[in-house]
């Protein structure tokens, strides 16, 4: 998704997933992976979807709020932020 620009390592990912589950934003279940190994899967809950929407909205507001500082750069990046937000939502729908 990010072309290697943003890499999340297991040491960061798993504690974050655990905290999200504690907050009630995800639920997890055990199942079989593609290679028939036991795997833990996480899925966004309704509360998690609301949180994702709120955080995405805040990110857009924060980014676009700096319009005066960034000038015309923001105008050209606005579409990229919206596309990033949508990709993040799709990622979460697929993996959570």
N, C-alpha and C. Protein backbone atom coordinates (compact mmCIF):
# COMPACT_ATOMS: atom_id res chain seq x y z
N UNK A 1 0.81 -1.19 0.00
CA UNK A 1 0.00 0.00 0.00
C UNK A 1 0.86 1.26 0.00
N UNK A 2 1.93 1.28 0.80
CA UNK A 2 2.75 2.49 0.89
C UNK A 2 4.04 2.37 0.10
N UNK A 3 4.23 1.27 -0.59
CA UNK A 3 5.45 1.09 -1.36
C UNK A 3 6.70 1.00 -0.50
N UNK A 4 6.55 0.52 0.72
CA UNK A 4 7.69 0.38 1.62
C UNK A 4 8.04 1.63 2.40
N UNK A 5 7.29 2.71 2.19
CA UNK A 5 7.56 3.95 2.91
C UNK A 5 7.20 3.82 4.37
N UNK A 6 6.16 3.10 4.65
CA UNK A 6 5.67 2.94 6.01
C UNK A 6 5.61 1.45 6.32
N UNK A 7 6.50 0.99 7.19
CA UNK A 7 6.58 -0.43 7.53
C UNK A 7 6.25 -0.60 9.01
N UNK A 8 5.29 -1.46 9.30
CA UNK A 8 4.91 -1.74 10.68
C UNK A 8 5.50 -3.10 11.05
N UNK A 9 6.33 -3.10 12.07
CA UNK A 9 6.97 -4.34 12.50
C UNK A 9 6.08 -5.06 13.51
N UNK A 10 6.22 -6.40 13.62
CA UNK A 10 5.40 -7.16 14.57
C UNK A 10 5.45 -6.63 16.00
N UNK A 11 6.61 -6.10 16.40
CA UNK A 11 6.75 -5.57 17.76
C UNK A 11 5.87 -4.35 18.01
N UNK A 12 5.42 -3.71 16.94
CA UNK A 12 4.50 -2.58 17.06
C UNK A 12 3.07 -3.00 16.76
N UNK A 13 2.92 -3.87 15.78
CA UNK A 13 1.59 -4.25 15.32
C UNK A 13 0.81 -5.02 16.37
N UNK A 14 1.40 -6.04 16.94
CA UNK A 14 0.65 -6.90 17.85
C UNK A 14 0.23 -6.19 19.14
N UNK A 15 1.09 -5.38 19.76
CA UNK A 15 0.62 -4.62 20.92
C UNK A 15 -0.50 -3.65 20.55
N UNK A 16 -0.40 -3.06 19.36
CA UNK A 16 -1.46 -2.14 18.92
C UNK A 16 -2.77 -2.88 18.72
N UNK A 17 -2.72 -4.06 18.12
CA UNK A 17 -3.94 -4.86 17.94
C UNK A 17 -4.53 -5.25 19.29
N UNK A 18 -3.67 -5.59 20.23
CA UNK A 18 -4.13 -5.97 21.56
C UNK A 18 -4.84 -4.78 22.25
N UNK A 19 -4.23 -3.59 22.15
CA UNK A 19 -4.85 -2.39 22.74
C UNK A 19 -6.19 -2.09 22.07
N UNK A 20 -6.24 -2.26 20.75
CA UNK A 20 -7.49 -2.01 20.03
C UNK A 20 -8.58 -2.99 20.49
N UNK A 21 -8.20 -4.21 20.76
CA UNK A 21 -9.18 -5.19 21.25
C UNK A 21 -9.64 -4.83 22.66
N UNK A 22 -8.70 -4.38 23.50
CA UNK A 22 -9.07 -3.95 24.85
C UNK A 22 -10.04 -2.77 24.83
N UNK A 23 -9.89 -1.89 23.84
CA UNK A 23 -10.77 -0.73 23.70
C UNK A 23 -12.13 -1.11 23.11
N UNK A 24 -12.23 -2.35 22.62
CA UNK A 24 -13.48 -2.80 22.00
C UNK A 24 -13.59 -2.42 20.54
N UNK A 25 -12.46 -2.02 19.93
CA UNK A 25 -12.47 -1.61 18.53
C UNK A 25 -12.29 -2.78 17.57
N UNK A 26 -11.74 -3.89 18.09
CA UNK A 26 -11.58 -5.10 17.28
C UNK A 26 -12.06 -6.30 18.08
N UNK A 27 -12.36 -7.35 17.36
CA UNK A 27 -12.62 -8.64 17.99
C UNK A 27 -11.74 -9.65 17.24
N UNK A 28 -11.35 -10.68 17.93
CA UNK A 28 -10.46 -11.65 17.29
C UNK A 28 -11.06 -13.04 17.37
N UNK A 29 -10.60 -13.88 16.46
CA UNK A 29 -11.02 -15.28 16.45
C UNK A 29 -9.90 -16.10 15.84
N UNK A 30 -9.90 -17.37 16.16
CA UNK A 30 -8.91 -18.29 15.62
C UNK A 30 -9.50 -19.04 14.44
N UNK A 31 -8.67 -19.25 13.44
CA UNK A 31 -9.10 -20.00 12.26
C UNK A 31 -7.89 -20.59 11.57
N UNK A 32 -8.12 -21.16 10.41
CA UNK A 32 -7.04 -21.76 9.62
C UNK A 32 -6.57 -20.77 8.57
N UNK A 33 -5.25 -20.68 8.39
CA UNK A 33 -4.67 -19.81 7.37
C UNK A 33 -4.71 -20.53 6.02
N UNK A 34 -4.19 -19.84 4.98
CA UNK A 34 -4.17 -20.44 3.64
C UNK A 34 -3.36 -21.73 3.61
N UNK A 35 -2.34 -21.83 4.47
CA UNK A 35 -1.51 -23.04 4.48
C UNK A 35 -1.89 -23.97 5.63
N UNK A 36 -3.16 -23.91 6.04
CA UNK A 36 -3.74 -24.81 7.04
C UNK A 36 -3.06 -24.74 8.40
N UNK A 37 -2.54 -23.59 8.73
CA UNK A 37 -1.99 -23.37 10.07
C UNK A 37 -3.00 -22.58 10.87
N UNK A 38 -2.96 -22.76 12.14
CA UNK A 38 -3.84 -22.02 13.03
C UNK A 38 -3.41 -20.55 13.05
N UNK A 39 -4.35 -19.65 12.88
CA UNK A 39 -4.02 -18.23 12.82
C UNK A 39 -5.08 -17.42 13.57
N UNK A 40 -4.64 -16.32 14.16
CA UNK A 40 -5.56 -15.43 14.85
C UNK A 40 -5.94 -14.31 13.89
N UNK A 41 -7.22 -14.05 13.77
CA UNK A 41 -7.73 -13.01 12.89
C UNK A 41 -8.40 -11.93 13.72
N UNK A 42 -8.23 -10.69 13.30
CA UNK A 42 -8.86 -9.56 13.97
C UNK A 42 -9.83 -8.90 13.00
N UNK A 43 -10.93 -8.40 13.54
CA UNK A 43 -11.94 -7.73 12.73
C UNK A 43 -12.41 -6.49 13.47
N UNK A 44 -12.64 -5.41 12.73
CA UNK A 44 -13.16 -4.19 13.34
C UNK A 44 -14.58 -4.43 13.83
N UNK A 45 -14.88 -3.92 15.00
CA UNK A 45 -16.24 -3.95 15.52
C UNK A 45 -16.95 -2.67 15.05
N UNK A 46 -18.22 -2.54 15.37
CA UNK A 46 -18.94 -1.30 15.03
C UNK A 46 -18.27 -0.11 15.70
N UNK A 47 -17.87 -0.30 16.96
CA UNK A 47 -17.18 0.77 17.68
C UNK A 47 -15.85 1.09 17.00
N UNK A 48 -15.17 0.07 16.47
CA UNK A 48 -13.91 0.27 15.77
C UNK A 48 -14.10 1.04 14.48
N UNK A 49 -15.19 0.75 13.78
CA UNK A 49 -15.48 1.49 12.55
C UNK A 49 -15.78 2.95 12.86
N UNK A 50 -16.51 3.19 13.95
CA UNK A 50 -16.77 4.58 14.35
C UNK A 50 -15.48 5.28 14.71
N UNK A 51 -14.60 4.58 15.42
CA UNK A 51 -13.31 5.17 15.80
C UNK A 51 -12.47 5.47 14.57
N UNK A 52 -12.44 4.54 13.62
CA UNK A 52 -11.69 4.74 12.39
C UNK A 52 -12.22 5.97 11.65
N UNK A 53 -13.53 6.10 11.57
CA UNK A 53 -14.13 7.25 10.90
C UNK A 53 -13.77 8.54 11.61
N UNK A 54 -13.83 8.53 12.94
CA UNK A 54 -13.50 9.73 13.71
C UNK A 54 -12.03 10.11 13.53
N UNK A 55 -11.15 9.12 13.58
CA UNK A 55 -9.72 9.41 13.43
C UNK A 55 -9.40 9.86 12.01
N UNK A 56 -10.06 9.27 11.02
CA UNK A 56 -9.85 9.68 9.63
C UNK A 56 -10.31 11.12 9.43
N UNK A 57 -11.46 11.43 10.00
CA UNK A 57 -11.99 12.80 9.90
C UNK A 57 -11.04 13.79 10.56
N UNK A 58 -10.53 13.42 11.73
CA UNK A 58 -9.59 14.31 12.42
C UNK A 58 -8.30 14.49 11.63
N UNK A 59 -7.81 13.43 11.03
CA UNK A 59 -6.61 13.51 10.21
C UNK A 59 -6.82 14.47 9.05
N UNK A 60 -7.96 14.33 8.37
CA UNK A 60 -8.26 15.23 7.26
C UNK A 60 -8.36 16.67 7.74
N UNK A 61 -9.03 16.89 8.88
CA UNK A 61 -9.17 18.24 9.41
C UNK A 61 -7.82 18.82 9.80
N UNK A 62 -7.00 18.03 10.46
CA UNK A 62 -5.68 18.50 10.87
C UNK A 62 -4.84 18.86 9.65
N UNK A 63 -4.86 17.96 8.68
CA UNK A 63 -4.05 18.19 7.49
C UNK A 63 -4.55 19.41 6.72
N UNK A 64 -5.84 19.46 6.47
CA UNK A 64 -6.40 20.56 5.70
C UNK A 64 -6.40 21.86 6.49
N UNK A 65 -6.34 21.77 7.82
CA UNK A 65 -6.28 22.95 8.65
C UNK A 65 -4.99 23.73 8.49
N UNK A 66 -3.99 23.07 7.96
CA UNK A 66 -2.71 23.73 7.74
C UNK A 66 -2.63 24.35 6.34
N UNK A 67 -3.78 24.54 5.73
CA UNK A 67 -3.86 25.07 4.37
C UNK A 67 -3.06 26.37 4.22
N UNK A 68 -3.20 27.27 5.18
CA UNK A 68 -2.51 28.56 5.05
C UNK A 68 -1.00 28.37 5.10
N UNK A 69 -0.53 27.38 5.84
CA UNK A 69 0.90 27.14 5.93
C UNK A 69 1.45 26.50 4.67
N UNK A 70 0.67 25.59 4.12
CA UNK A 70 1.14 24.83 2.96
C UNK A 70 0.72 25.44 1.62
N UNK A 71 -0.24 26.33 1.66
CA UNK A 71 -0.67 26.99 0.43
C UNK A 71 -1.17 26.03 -0.62
N UNK A 72 -0.66 26.16 -1.82
CA UNK A 72 -1.16 25.37 -2.95
C UNK A 72 -0.79 23.90 -2.85
N UNK A 73 0.20 23.57 -2.03
CA UNK A 73 0.58 22.15 -1.87
C UNK A 73 -0.60 21.36 -1.32
N UNK A 74 -1.35 21.96 -0.40
CA UNK A 74 -2.50 21.27 0.19
C UNK A 74 -3.53 20.96 -0.86
N UNK A 75 -3.77 21.91 -1.75
CA UNK A 75 -4.77 21.67 -2.79
C UNK A 75 -4.41 20.45 -3.62
N UNK A 76 -3.15 20.31 -3.96
CA UNK A 76 -2.75 19.17 -4.77
C UNK A 76 -2.72 17.88 -3.96
N UNK A 77 -2.55 18.00 -2.64
CA UNK A 77 -2.47 16.81 -1.79
C UNK A 77 -3.83 16.38 -1.23
N UNK A 78 -4.83 17.27 -1.30
CA UNK A 78 -6.13 16.95 -0.71
C UNK A 78 -6.66 15.61 -1.22
N UNK A 79 -6.58 15.41 -2.53
CA UNK A 79 -7.05 14.15 -3.10
C UNK A 79 -6.26 12.97 -2.59
N UNK A 80 -4.97 13.16 -2.38
CA UNK A 80 -4.12 12.08 -1.88
C UNK A 80 -4.52 11.70 -0.47
N UNK A 81 -4.87 12.69 0.36
CA UNK A 81 -5.30 12.40 1.74
C UNK A 81 -6.59 11.59 1.71
N UNK A 82 -7.52 11.99 0.88
CA UNK A 82 -8.79 11.26 0.78
C UNK A 82 -8.56 9.84 0.27
N UNK A 83 -7.67 9.71 -0.72
CA UNK A 83 -7.37 8.37 -1.23
C UNK A 83 -6.69 7.53 -0.15
N UNK A 84 -5.77 8.14 0.63
CA UNK A 84 -5.11 7.43 1.71
C UNK A 84 -6.13 6.97 2.74
N UNK A 85 -7.05 7.85 3.10
CA UNK A 85 -8.07 7.51 4.08
C UNK A 85 -8.90 6.34 3.58
N UNK A 86 -9.28 6.35 2.32
CA UNK A 86 -10.08 5.26 1.76
C UNK A 86 -9.28 3.97 1.74
N UNK A 87 -7.98 4.06 1.37
CA UNK A 87 -7.15 2.85 1.36
C UNK A 87 -7.02 2.29 2.77
N UNK A 88 -6.91 3.18 3.77
CA UNK A 88 -6.82 2.74 5.16
C UNK A 88 -8.11 2.02 5.55
N UNK A 89 -9.25 2.55 5.16
CA UNK A 89 -10.51 1.90 5.47
C UNK A 89 -10.59 0.54 4.80
N UNK A 90 -10.19 0.46 3.53
CA UNK A 90 -10.22 -0.83 2.81
C UNK A 90 -9.28 -1.81 3.48
N UNK A 91 -8.08 -1.35 3.85
CA UNK A 91 -7.11 -2.21 4.54
C UNK A 91 -7.74 -2.78 5.81
N UNK A 92 -8.36 -1.92 6.59
CA UNK A 92 -8.95 -2.36 7.84
C UNK A 92 -10.11 -3.31 7.59
N UNK A 93 -10.88 -3.07 6.55
CA UNK A 93 -11.98 -3.98 6.24
C UNK A 93 -11.47 -5.35 5.84
N UNK A 94 -10.35 -5.36 5.12
CA UNK A 94 -9.79 -6.64 4.68
C UNK A 94 -9.12 -7.39 5.83
N UNK A 95 -8.32 -6.67 6.61
CA UNK A 95 -7.49 -7.33 7.60
C UNK A 95 -8.07 -7.33 9.00
N UNK A 96 -9.08 -6.55 9.25
CA UNK A 96 -9.67 -6.51 10.59
C UNK A 96 -11.12 -6.87 10.48
